[in-house]
mmCIF file of all heavy atoms, coordinates in Angstrom:
data_MODEL
# 
_entry.id   MODEL 
# 
loop_
_atom_site.group_PDB 
_atom_site.id 
_atom_site.type_symbol 
_atom_site.label_atom_id 
_atom_site.label_alt_id 
_atom_site.label_comp_id 
_atom_site.label_asym_id 
_atom_site.label_entity_id 
_atom_site.label_seq_id 
_atom_site.pdbx_PDB_ins_code 
_atom_site.Cartn_x 
_atom_site.Cartn_y 
_atom_site.Cartn_z 
_atom_site.occupancy 
_atom_site.B_iso_or_equiv 
_atom_site.pdbx_formal_charge 
_atom_site.auth_seq_id 
_atom_site.auth_comp_id 
_atom_site.auth_asym_id 
_atom_site.auth_atom_id 
_atom_site.pdbx_PDB_model_num 
ATOM 1   N N   . GLY A 1 1  ? 0.789  -1.249 0.066  1.00 0.00 ? 1  GLY A N   1 
ATOM 2   C CA  . GLY A 1 1  ? 0.055  -0.074 0.031  1.00 0.00 ? 1  GLY A CA  1 
ATOM 3   C C   . GLY A 1 1  ? 0.832  1.263  0.032  1.00 0.00 ? 1  GLY A C   1 
ATOM 4   O O   . GLY A 1 1  ? 2.042  1.276  0.279  1.00 0.00 ? 1  GLY A O   1 
ATOM 5   N N   . ASP A 1 2  ? 0.243  2.369  -0.445 1.00 0.00 ? 2  ASP A N   1 
ATOM 6   C CA  . ASP A 1 2  ? 0.852  3.675  -0.278 1.00 0.00 ? 2  ASP A CA  1 
ATOM 7   C C   . ASP A 1 2  ? -0.184 4.775  -0.274 1.00 0.00 ? 2  ASP A C   1 
ATOM 8   O O   . ASP A 1 2  ? -1.316 4.512  -0.528 1.00 0.00 ? 2  ASP A O   1 
ATOM 9   C CB  . ASP A 1 2  ? 1.863  3.838  -1.377 1.00 0.00 ? 2  ASP A CB  1 
ATOM 10  C CG  . ASP A 1 2  ? 1.173  3.986  -2.850 1.00 0.00 ? 2  ASP A CG  1 
ATOM 11  O OD1 . ASP A 1 2  ? 0.836  2.872  -3.403 1.00 0.00 ? 2  ASP A OD1 1 
ATOM 12  O OD2 . ASP A 1 2  ? 1.055  5.042  -3.257 1.00 0.00 ? 2  ASP A OD2 1 
ATOM 13  N N   . VAL A 1 3  ? 0.311  5.970  -0.075 1.00 0.00 ? 3  VAL A N   1 
ATOM 14  C CA  . VAL A 1 3  ? -0.690 7.101  0.062  1.00 0.00 ? 3  VAL A CA  1 
ATOM 15  C C   . VAL A 1 3  ? -0.818 7.767  -1.279 1.00 0.00 ? 3  VAL A C   1 
ATOM 16  O O   . VAL A 1 3  ? 0.251  8.055  -2.003 1.00 0.00 ? 3  VAL A O   1 
ATOM 17  C CB  . VAL A 1 3  ? -0.241 8.134  0.990  1.00 0.00 ? 3  VAL A CB  1 
ATOM 18  C CG1 . VAL A 1 3  ? -1.165 9.283  1.236  1.00 0.00 ? 3  VAL A CG1 1 
ATOM 19  C CG2 . VAL A 1 3  ? -0.090 7.451  2.448  1.00 0.00 ? 3  VAL A CG2 1 
ATOM 20  N N   . HIS A 1 4  ? -2.027 8.042  -1.709 1.00 0.00 ? 4  HIS A N   1 
ATOM 21  C CA  . HIS A 1 4  ? -2.241 8.683  -2.993 1.00 0.00 ? 4  HIS A CA  1 
ATOM 22  C C   . HIS A 1 4  ? -1.803 10.224 -2.893 1.00 0.00 ? 4  HIS A C   1 
ATOM 23  O O   . HIS A 1 4  ? -2.272 10.966 -2.043 1.00 0.00 ? 4  HIS A O   1 
ATOM 24  C CB  . HIS A 1 4  ? -3.769 8.615  -3.341 1.00 0.00 ? 4  HIS A CB  1 
ATOM 25  C CG  . HIS A 1 4  ? -4.114 9.164  -4.696 1.00 0.00 ? 4  HIS A CG  1 
ATOM 26  N ND1 . HIS A 1 4  ? -3.525 8.596  -5.800 1.00 0.00 ? 4  HIS A ND1 1 
ATOM 27  C CD2 . HIS A 1 4  ? -4.929 10.140 -5.058 1.00 0.00 ? 4  HIS A CD2 1 
ATOM 28  C CE1 . HIS A 1 4  ? -4.124 9.269  -6.814 1.00 0.00 ? 4  HIS A CE1 1 
ATOM 29  N NE2 . HIS A 1 4  ? -4.889 10.155 -6.376 1.00 0.00 ? 4  HIS A NE2 1 
ATOM 30  N N   . HIS A 1 5  ? -0.888 10.573 -3.811 1.00 0.00 ? 5  HIS A N   1 
ATOM 31  C CA  . HIS A 1 5  ? -0.374 11.911 -3.929 1.00 0.00 ? 5  HIS A CA  1 
ATOM 32  C C   . HIS A 1 5  ? 0.034  12.455 -2.470 1.00 0.00 ? 5  HIS A C   1 
ATOM 33  O O   . HIS A 1 5  ? -0.477 13.467 -2.050 1.00 0.00 ? 5  HIS A O   1 
ATOM 34  C CB  . HIS A 1 5  ? -1.364 12.845 -4.511 1.00 0.00 ? 5  HIS A CB  1 
ATOM 35  C CG  . HIS A 1 5  ? -1.653 12.560 -5.989 1.00 0.00 ? 5  HIS A CG  1 
ATOM 36  N ND1 . HIS A 1 5  ? -2.839 12.939 -6.644 1.00 0.00 ? 5  HIS A ND1 1 
ATOM 37  C CD2 . HIS A 1 5  ? -0.936 11.905 -6.803 1.00 0.00 ? 5  HIS A CD2 1 
ATOM 38  C CE1 . HIS A 1 5  ? -2.839 12.504 -7.885 1.00 0.00 ? 5  HIS A CE1 1 
ATOM 39  N NE2 . HIS A 1 5  ? -1.704 11.883 -8.102 1.00 0.00 ? 5  HIS A NE2 1 
ATOM 40  N N   . PHE A 1 6  ? 0.916  11.724 -1.895 1.00 0.00 ? 6  PHE A N   1 
ATOM 41  C CA  . PHE A 1 6  ? 1.271  11.997 -0.471 1.00 0.00 ? 6  PHE A CA  1 
ATOM 42  C C   . PHE A 1 6  ? 1.626  13.351 -0.102 1.00 0.00 ? 6  PHE A C   1 
ATOM 43  O O   . PHE A 1 6  ? 0.884  14.088 0.730  1.00 0.00 ? 6  PHE A O   1 
ATOM 44  C CB  . PHE A 1 6  ? 2.313  10.954 -0.078 1.00 0.00 ? 6  PHE A CB  1 
ATOM 45  C CG  . PHE A 1 6  ? 2.716  11.136 1.387  1.00 0.00 ? 6  PHE A CG  1 
ATOM 46  C CD1 . PHE A 1 6  ? 1.774  11.280 2.392  1.00 0.00 ? 6  PHE A CD1 1 
ATOM 47  C CD2 . PHE A 1 6  ? 4.080  11.069 1.796  1.00 0.00 ? 6  PHE A CD2 1 
ATOM 48  C CE1 . PHE A 1 6  ? 2.175  11.378 3.721  1.00 0.00 ? 6  PHE A CE1 1 
ATOM 49  C CE2 . PHE A 1 6  ? 4.417  11.305 3.087  1.00 0.00 ? 6  PHE A CE2 1 
ATOM 50  C CZ  . PHE A 1 6  ? 3.486  11.450 4.066  1.00 0.00 ? 6  PHE A CZ  1 
ATOM 51  N N   . PHE A 1 7  ? 2.773  13.853 -0.736 1.00 0.00 ? 7  PHE A N   1 
ATOM 52  C CA  . PHE A 1 7  ? 3.232  15.179 -0.249 1.00 0.00 ? 7  PHE A CA  1 
ATOM 53  C C   . PHE A 1 7  ? 2.199  16.304 -0.599 1.00 0.00 ? 7  PHE A C   1 
ATOM 54  O O   . PHE A 1 7  ? 1.971  17.243 0.268  1.00 0.00 ? 7  PHE A O   1 
ATOM 55  C CB  . PHE A 1 7  ? 4.548  15.421 -0.975 1.00 0.00 ? 7  PHE A CB  1 
ATOM 56  C CG  . PHE A 1 7  ? 5.786  14.832 -0.159 1.00 0.00 ? 7  PHE A CG  1 
ATOM 57  C CD1 . PHE A 1 7  ? 6.265  13.639 -0.597 1.00 0.00 ? 7  PHE A CD1 1 
ATOM 58  C CD2 . PHE A 1 7  ? 6.339  15.462 0.831  1.00 0.00 ? 7  PHE A CD2 1 
ATOM 59  C CE1 . PHE A 1 7  ? 7.199  13.056 0.013  1.00 0.00 ? 7  PHE A CE1 1 
ATOM 60  C CE2 . PHE A 1 7  ? 7.506  14.939 1.527  1.00 0.00 ? 7  PHE A CE2 1 
ATOM 61  C CZ  . PHE A 1 7  ? 7.962  13.650 1.197  1.00 0.00 ? 7  PHE A CZ  1 
ATOM 62  N N   . PRO A 1 8  ? 1.617  16.358 -1.768 1.00 0.00 ? 8  PRO A N   1 
ATOM 63  C CA  . PRO A 1 8  ? 0.672  17.356 -2.037 1.00 0.00 ? 8  PRO A CA  1 
ATOM 64  C C   . PRO A 1 8  ? -0.658 17.368 -1.235 1.00 0.00 ? 8  PRO A C   1 
ATOM 65  O O   . PRO A 1 8  ? -1.384 18.219 -1.152 1.00 0.00 ? 8  PRO A O   1 
ATOM 66  C CB  . PRO A 1 8  ? 0.276  17.245 -3.508 1.00 0.00 ? 8  PRO A CB  1 
ATOM 67  C CG  . PRO A 1 8  ? 1.402  16.320 -4.128 1.00 0.00 ? 8  PRO A CG  1 
ATOM 68  C CD  . PRO A 1 8  ? 1.899  15.489 -3.018 1.00 0.00 ? 8  PRO A CD  1 
ATOM 69  N N   . SER A 1 9  ? -0.808 16.151 -0.531 1.00 0.00 ? 9  SER A N   1 
ATOM 70  C CA  . SER A 1 9  ? -2.018 15.955 0.271  1.00 0.00 ? 9  SER A CA  1 
ATOM 71  C C   . SER A 1 9  ? -1.906 16.188 1.746  1.00 0.00 ? 9  SER A C   1 
ATOM 72  O O   . SER A 1 9  ? -2.889 16.098 2.489  1.00 0.00 ? 9  SER A O   1 
ATOM 73  C CB  . SER A 1 9  ? -2.583 14.539 0.029  1.00 0.00 ? 9  SER A CB  1 
ATOM 74  O OG  . SER A 1 9  ? -2.865 14.326 -1.351 1.00 0.00 ? 9  SER A OG  1 
ATOM 75  N N   . ILE A 1 10 ? -0.630 16.366 2.279  1.00 0.00 ? 10 ILE A N   1 
ATOM 76  C CA  . ILE A 1 10 ? -0.526 16.390 3.709  1.00 0.00 ? 10 ILE A CA  1 
ATOM 77  C C   . ILE A 1 10 ? -1.221 17.705 4.183  1.00 0.00 ? 10 ILE A C   1 
ATOM 78  O O   . ILE A 1 10 ? -0.958 18.846 3.780  1.00 0.00 ? 10 ILE A O   1 
ATOM 79  C CB  . ILE A 1 10 ? 1.042  16.633 3.979  1.00 0.00 ? 10 ILE A CB  1 
ATOM 80  C CG1 . ILE A 1 10 ? 1.763  15.215 3.640  1.00 0.00 ? 10 ILE A CG1 1 
ATOM 81  C CG2 . ILE A 1 10 ? 1.348  17.008 5.460  1.00 0.00 ? 10 ILE A CG2 1 
ATOM 82  C CD1 . ILE A 1 10 ? 3.211  15.259 3.850  1.00 0.00 ? 10 ILE A CD1 1 
ATOM 83  N N   . ASN A 1 11 ? -2.096 17.425 5.210  1.00 0.00 ? 11 ASN A N   1 
ATOM 84  C CA  . ASN A 1 11 ? -2.938 18.425 5.758  1.00 0.00 ? 11 ASN A CA  1 
ATOM 85  C C   . ASN A 1 11 ? -2.102 19.301 6.789  1.00 0.00 ? 11 ASN A C   1 
ATOM 86  O O   . ASN A 1 11 ? -1.585 18.774 7.679  1.00 0.00 ? 11 ASN A O   1 
ATOM 87  C CB  . ASN A 1 11 ? -4.112 17.820 6.387  1.00 0.00 ? 11 ASN A CB  1 
ATOM 88  C CG  . ASN A 1 11 ? -5.050 18.804 7.010  1.00 0.00 ? 11 ASN A CG  1 
ATOM 89  O OD1 . ASN A 1 11 ? -4.933 19.267 8.136  1.00 0.00 ? 11 ASN A OD1 1 
ATOM 90  N ND2 . ASN A 1 11 ? -6.112 19.200 6.208  1.00 0.00 ? 11 ASN A ND2 1 
ATOM 91  N N   . HIS A 1 12 ? -2.100 20.613 6.599  1.00 0.00 ? 12 HIS A N   1 
ATOM 92  C CA  . HIS A 1 12 ? -1.314 21.491 7.372  1.00 0.00 ? 12 HIS A CA  1 
ATOM 93  C C   . HIS A 1 12 ? -1.754 21.481 8.842  1.00 0.00 ? 12 HIS A C   1 
ATOM 94  O O   . HIS A 1 12 ? -0.959 21.343 9.743  1.00 0.00 ? 12 HIS A O   1 
ATOM 95  C CB  . HIS A 1 12 ? -1.362 22.905 6.841  1.00 0.00 ? 12 HIS A CB  1 
ATOM 96  C CG  . HIS A 1 12 ? -0.646 23.099 5.619  1.00 0.00 ? 12 HIS A CG  1 
ATOM 97  N ND1 . HIS A 1 12 ? -0.273 24.308 5.013  1.00 0.00 ? 12 HIS A ND1 1 
ATOM 98  C CD2 . HIS A 1 12 ? 0.019  22.160 4.794  1.00 0.00 ? 12 HIS A CD2 1 
ATOM 99  C CE1 . HIS A 1 12 ? 0.386  24.135 3.920  1.00 0.00 ? 12 HIS A CE1 1 
ATOM 100 N NE2 . HIS A 1 12 ? 0.622  22.869 3.731  1.00 0.00 ? 12 HIS A NE2 1 
ATOM 101 N N   . ASP A 1 13 ? -3.082 21.576 9.146  1.00 0.00 ? 13 ASP A N   1 
ATOM 102 C CA  . ASP A 1 13 ? -3.548 21.582 10.474 1.00 0.00 ? 13 ASP A CA  1 
ATOM 103 C C   . ASP A 1 13 ? -3.261 20.267 11.233 1.00 0.00 ? 13 ASP A C   1 
ATOM 104 O O   . ASP A 1 13 ? -2.897 20.320 12.335 1.00 0.00 ? 13 ASP A O   1 
ATOM 105 C CB  . ASP A 1 13 ? -5.010 21.891 10.484 1.00 0.00 ? 13 ASP A CB  1 
ATOM 106 C CG  . ASP A 1 13 ? -5.442 23.194 10.209 1.00 0.00 ? 13 ASP A CG  1 
ATOM 107 O OD1 . ASP A 1 13 ? -4.521 24.083 10.320 1.00 0.00 ? 13 ASP A OD1 1 
ATOM 108 O OD2 . ASP A 1 13 ? -6.562 23.541 9.806  1.00 0.00 ? 13 ASP A OD2 1 
ATOM 109 N N   . PHE A 1 14 ? -3.423 19.201 10.513 1.00 0.00 ? 14 PHE A N   1 
ATOM 110 C CA  . PHE A 1 14 ? -3.137 17.871 11.154 1.00 0.00 ? 14 PHE A CA  1 
ATOM 111 C C   . PHE A 1 14 ? -1.580 17.772 11.497 1.00 0.00 ? 14 PHE A C   1 
ATOM 112 O O   . PHE A 1 14 ? -1.181 17.320 12.638 1.00 0.00 ? 14 PHE A O   1 
ATOM 113 C CB  . PHE A 1 14 ? -3.461 16.723 10.250 1.00 0.00 ? 14 PHE A CB  1 
ATOM 114 C CG  . PHE A 1 14 ? -3.167 15.319 10.814 1.00 0.00 ? 14 PHE A CG  1 
ATOM 115 C CD1 . PHE A 1 14 ? -4.067 14.709 11.652 1.00 0.00 ? 14 PHE A CD1 1 
ATOM 116 C CD2 . PHE A 1 14 ? -2.029 14.703 10.427 1.00 0.00 ? 14 PHE A CD2 1 
ATOM 117 C CE1 . PHE A 1 14 ? -3.783 13.465 12.220 1.00 0.00 ? 14 PHE A CE1 1 
ATOM 118 C CE2 . PHE A 1 14 ? -1.622 13.482 10.902 1.00 0.00 ? 14 PHE A CE2 1 
ATOM 119 C CZ  . PHE A 1 14 ? -2.632 12.823 11.827 1.00 0.00 ? 14 PHE A CZ  1 
ATOM 120 N N   . LEU A 1 15 ? -0.794 18.197 10.572 1.00 0.00 ? 15 LEU A N   1 
ATOM 121 C CA  . LEU A 1 15 ? 0.674  18.132 10.686 1.00 0.00 ? 15 LEU A CA  1 
ATOM 122 C C   . LEU A 1 15 ? 1.070  19.041 11.925 1.00 0.00 ? 15 LEU A C   1 
ATOM 123 O O   . LEU A 1 15 ? 1.925  18.651 12.791 1.00 0.00 ? 15 LEU A O   1 
ATOM 124 C CB  . LEU A 1 15 ? 1.412  18.550 9.540  1.00 0.00 ? 15 LEU A CB  1 
ATOM 125 C CG  . LEU A 1 15 ? 2.923  18.725 9.577  1.00 0.00 ? 15 LEU A CG  1 
ATOM 126 C CD1 . LEU A 1 15 ? 3.592  17.492 10.133 1.00 0.00 ? 15 LEU A CD1 1 
ATOM 127 C CD2 . LEU A 1 15 ? 3.441  19.206 8.251  1.00 0.00 ? 15 LEU A CD2 1 
ATOM 128 N N   . LYS A 1 16 ? 0.538  20.236 11.971 1.00 0.00 ? 16 LYS A N   1 
ATOM 129 C CA  . LYS A 1 16 ? 0.879  21.124 13.102 1.00 0.00 ? 16 LYS A CA  1 
ATOM 130 C C   . LYS A 1 16 ? 0.449  20.580 14.453 1.00 0.00 ? 16 LYS A C   1 
ATOM 131 O O   . LYS A 1 16 ? 1.207  20.727 15.443 1.00 0.00 ? 16 LYS A O   1 
ATOM 132 C CB  . LYS A 1 16 ? 0.216  22.526 12.863 1.00 0.00 ? 16 LYS A CB  1 
ATOM 133 C CG  . LYS A 1 16 ? 0.740  23.334 11.712 1.00 0.00 ? 16 LYS A CG  1 
ATOM 134 C CD  . LYS A 1 16 ? 0.031  24.616 11.429 1.00 0.00 ? 16 LYS A CD  1 
ATOM 135 C CE  . LYS A 1 16 ? 0.532  25.331 10.267 1.00 0.00 ? 16 LYS A CE  1 
ATOM 136 N NZ  . LYS A 1 16 ? -0.305 26.554 9.976  1.00 0.00 ? 16 LYS A NZ  1 
ATOM 137 N N   . ARG A 1 17 ? -0.643 19.925 14.523 1.00 0.00 ? 17 ARG A N   1 
ATOM 138 C CA  . ARG A 1 17 ? -1.119 19.304 15.702 1.00 0.00 ? 17 ARG A CA  1 
ATOM 139 C C   . ARG A 1 17 ? -0.133 18.202 16.188 1.00 0.00 ? 17 ARG A C   1 
ATOM 140 O O   . ARG A 1 17 ? 0.196  18.080 17.391 1.00 0.00 ? 17 ARG A O   1 
ATOM 141 C CB  . ARG A 1 17 ? -2.529 18.665 15.603 1.00 0.00 ? 17 ARG A CB  1 
ATOM 142 C CG  . ARG A 1 17 ? -3.608 19.760 15.496 1.00 0.00 ? 17 ARG A CG  1 
ATOM 143 C CD  . ARG A 1 17 ? -4.973 19.138 15.827 1.00 0.00 ? 17 ARG A CD  1 
ATOM 144 N NE  . ARG A 1 17 ? -5.305 18.065 14.789 1.00 0.00 ? 17 ARG A NE  1 
ATOM 145 C CZ  . ARG A 1 17 ? -6.039 18.253 13.773 1.00 0.00 ? 17 ARG A CZ  1 
ATOM 146 N NH1 . ARG A 1 17 ? -6.237 19.500 13.384 1.00 0.00 ? 17 ARG A NH1 1 
ATOM 147 N NH2 . ARG A 1 17 ? -6.240 17.224 13.035 1.00 0.00 ? 17 ARG A NH2 1 
ATOM 148 N N   . GLN A 1 18 ? 0.391  17.451 15.192 1.00 0.00 ? 18 GLN A N   1 
ATOM 149 C CA  . GLN A 1 18 ? 1.367  16.436 15.517 1.00 0.00 ? 18 GLN A CA  1 
ATOM 150 C C   . GLN A 1 18 ? 2.648  16.979 15.955 1.00 0.00 ? 18 GLN A C   1 
ATOM 151 O O   . GLN A 1 18 ? 3.358  16.490 16.904 1.00 0.00 ? 18 GLN A O   1 
ATOM 152 C CB  . GLN A 1 18 ? 1.567  15.452 14.292 1.00 0.00 ? 18 GLN A CB  1 
ATOM 153 C CG  . GLN A 1 18 ? 0.291  14.738 13.786 1.00 0.00 ? 18 GLN A CG  1 
ATOM 154 C CD  . GLN A 1 18 ? -0.393 13.993 14.945 1.00 0.00 ? 18 GLN A CD  1 
ATOM 155 O OE1 . GLN A 1 18 ? 0.231  13.345 15.732 1.00 0.00 ? 18 GLN A OE1 1 
ATOM 156 N NE2 . GLN A 1 18 ? -1.674 14.331 15.033 1.00 0.00 ? 18 GLN A NE2 1 
ATOM 157 N N   . ILE A 1 19 ? 3.119  18.065 15.380 1.00 0.00 ? 19 ILE A N   1 
ATOM 158 C CA  . ILE A 1 19 ? 4.299  18.723 15.761 1.00 0.00 ? 19 ILE A CA  1 
ATOM 159 C C   . ILE A 1 19 ? 4.198  19.243 17.241 1.00 0.00 ? 19 ILE A C   1 
ATOM 160 O O   . ILE A 1 19 ? 5.126  19.119 17.967 1.00 0.00 ? 19 ILE A O   1 
ATOM 161 C CB  . ILE A 1 19 ? 4.676  19.798 14.803 1.00 0.00 ? 19 ILE A CB  1 
ATOM 162 C CG1 . ILE A 1 19 ? 5.088  19.269 13.467 1.00 0.00 ? 19 ILE A CG1 1 
ATOM 163 C CG2 . ILE A 1 19 ? 5.720  20.740 15.415 1.00 0.00 ? 19 ILE A CG2 1 
ATOM 164 C CD1 . ILE A 1 19 ? 5.264  20.290 12.372 1.00 0.00 ? 19 ILE A CD1 1 
ATOM 165 N N   . ARG A 1 20 ? 3.048  19.664 17.475 1.00 0.00 ? 20 ARG A N   1 
ATOM 166 C CA  . ARG A 1 20 ? 2.866  20.210 18.884 1.00 0.00 ? 20 ARG A CA  1 
ATOM 167 C C   . ARG A 1 20 ? 2.792  19.162 20.001 1.00 0.00 ? 20 ARG A C   1 
ATOM 168 O O   . ARG A 1 20 ? 2.759  19.492 21.182 1.00 0.00 ? 20 ARG A O   1 
ATOM 169 C CB  . ARG A 1 20 ? 1.637  21.216 18.879 1.00 0.00 ? 20 ARG A CB  1 
ATOM 170 C CG  . ARG A 1 20 ? 1.881  22.612 18.333 1.00 0.00 ? 20 ARG A CG  1 
ATOM 171 C CD  . ARG A 1 20 ? 0.766  23.289 17.829 1.00 0.00 ? 20 ARG A CD  1 
ATOM 172 N NE  . ARG A 1 20 ? 1.055  24.675 17.327 1.00 0.00 ? 20 ARG A NE  1 
ATOM 173 C CZ  . ARG A 1 20 ? 1.739  24.970 16.267 1.00 0.00 ? 20 ARG A CZ  1 
ATOM 174 N NH1 . ARG A 1 20 ? 2.041  24.004 15.358 1.00 0.00 ? 20 ARG A NH1 1 
ATOM 175 N NH2 . ARG A 1 20 ? 2.005  26.220 15.915 1.00 0.00 ? 20 ARG A NH2 1 
ATOM 176 N N   . ARG A 1 21 ? 2.677  17.974 19.538 1.00 0.00 ? 21 ARG A N   1 
ATOM 177 C CA  . ARG A 1 21 ? 2.681  16.795 20.495 1.00 0.00 ? 21 ARG A CA  1 
ATOM 178 C C   . ARG A 1 21 ? 4.107  16.484 20.885 1.00 0.00 ? 21 ARG A C   1 
ATOM 179 O O   . ARG A 1 21 ? 4.399  15.728 21.822 1.00 0.00 ? 21 ARG A O   1 
ATOM 180 C CB  . ARG A 1 21 ? 2.069  15.641 19.863 1.00 0.00 ? 21 ARG A CB  1 
ATOM 181 C CG  . ARG A 1 21 ? 0.573  15.700 19.670 1.00 0.00 ? 21 ARG A CG  1 
ATOM 182 C CD  . ARG A 1 21 ? -0.026 14.495 18.939 1.00 0.00 ? 21 ARG A CD  1 
ATOM 183 N NE  . ARG A 1 21 ? 0.131  13.274 19.739 1.00 0.00 ? 21 ARG A NE  1 
ATOM 184 C CZ  . ARG A 1 21 ? -0.669 12.937 20.622 1.00 0.00 ? 21 ARG A CZ  1 
ATOM 185 N NH1 . ARG A 1 21 ? -1.748 13.588 20.918 1.00 0.00 ? 21 ARG A NH1 1 
ATOM 186 N NH2 . ARG A 1 21 ? -0.414 11.739 21.263 1.00 0.00 ? 21 ARG A NH2 1 
ATOM 187 N N   . THR A 1 22 ? 5.137  17.185 20.252 1.00 0.00 ? 22 THR A N   1 
ATOM 188 C CA  . THR A 1 22 ? 6.569  16.996 20.552 1.00 0.00 ? 22 THR A CA  1 
ATOM 189 C C   . THR A 1 22 ? 7.161  18.267 20.877 1.00 0.00 ? 22 THR A C   1 
ATOM 190 O O   . THR A 1 22 ? 7.960  18.373 21.818 1.00 0.00 ? 22 THR A O   1 
ATOM 191 C CB  . THR A 1 22 ? 7.199  16.381 19.329 1.00 0.00 ? 22 THR A CB  1 
ATOM 192 O OG1 . THR A 1 22 ? 6.650  15.073 19.004 1.00 0.00 ? 22 THR A OG1 1 
ATOM 193 C CG2 . THR A 1 22 ? 8.727  16.145 19.657 1.00 0.00 ? 22 THR A CG2 1 
ATOM 194 N N   . ILE A 1 23 ? 6.906  19.387 20.255 1.00 0.00 ? 23 ILE A N   1 
ATOM 195 C CA  . ILE A 1 23 ? 7.504  20.660 20.493 1.00 0.00 ? 23 ILE A CA  1 
ATOM 196 C C   . ILE A 1 23 ? 6.551  21.593 21.156 1.00 0.00 ? 23 ILE A C   1 
ATOM 197 O O   . ILE A 1 23 ? 5.461  21.823 20.626 1.00 0.00 ? 23 ILE A O   1 
ATOM 198 C CB  . ILE A 1 23 ? 8.049  21.253 19.134 1.00 0.00 ? 23 ILE A CB  1 
ATOM 199 C CG1 . ILE A 1 23 ? 9.084  20.322 18.488 1.00 0.00 ? 23 ILE A CG1 1 
ATOM 200 C CG2 . ILE A 1 23 ? 8.781  22.616 19.362 1.00 0.00 ? 23 ILE A CG2 1 
ATOM 201 C CD1 . ILE A 1 23 ? 10.234 19.944 19.233 1.00 0.00 ? 23 ILE A CD1 1 
ATOM 202 N N   . SER A 1 24 ? 6.988  22.296 22.235 1.00 0.00 ? 24 SER A N   1 
ATOM 203 C CA  . SER A 1 24 ? 6.142  23.345 22.782 1.00 0.00 ? 24 SER A CA  1 
ATOM 204 C C   . SER A 1 24 ? 6.819  24.723 22.772 1.00 0.00 ? 24 SER A C   1 
ATOM 205 O O   . SER A 1 24 ? 6.208  25.699 23.334 1.00 0.00 ? 24 SER A O   1 
ATOM 206 C CB  . SER A 1 24 ? 5.833  22.918 24.200 1.00 0.00 ? 24 SER A CB  1 
ATOM 207 O OG  . SER A 1 24 ? 6.968  22.659 24.946 1.00 0.00 ? 24 SER A OG  1 
ATOM 208 N N   . ASP A 1 25 ? 8.011  24.774 22.313 1.00 0.00 ? 25 ASP A N   1 
ATOM 209 C CA  . ASP A 1 25 ? 8.770  26.103 22.148 1.00 0.00 ? 25 ASP A CA  1 
ATOM 210 C C   . ASP A 1 25 ? 7.951  26.946 21.179 1.00 0.00 ? 25 ASP A C   1 
ATOM 211 O O   . ASP A 1 25 ? 8.078  26.668 19.931 1.00 0.00 ? 25 ASP A O   1 
ATOM 212 C CB  . ASP A 1 25 ? 10.195 25.825 21.734 1.00 0.00 ? 25 ASP A CB  1 
ATOM 213 C CG  . ASP A 1 25 ? 11.052 27.079 21.901 1.00 0.00 ? 25 ASP A CG  1 
ATOM 214 O OD1 . ASP A 1 25 ? 10.648 28.098 21.260 1.00 0.00 ? 25 ASP A OD1 1 
ATOM 215 O OD2 . ASP A 1 25 ? 12.084 27.035 22.550 1.00 0.00 ? 25 ASP A OD2 1 
# 
């Protein structure tokens, strides 16, 4: 399996939420 059009489809809000699960600075 793989993700359809992965890089163009990455959701910014979802990604930012994941980043904030590691970085709080």
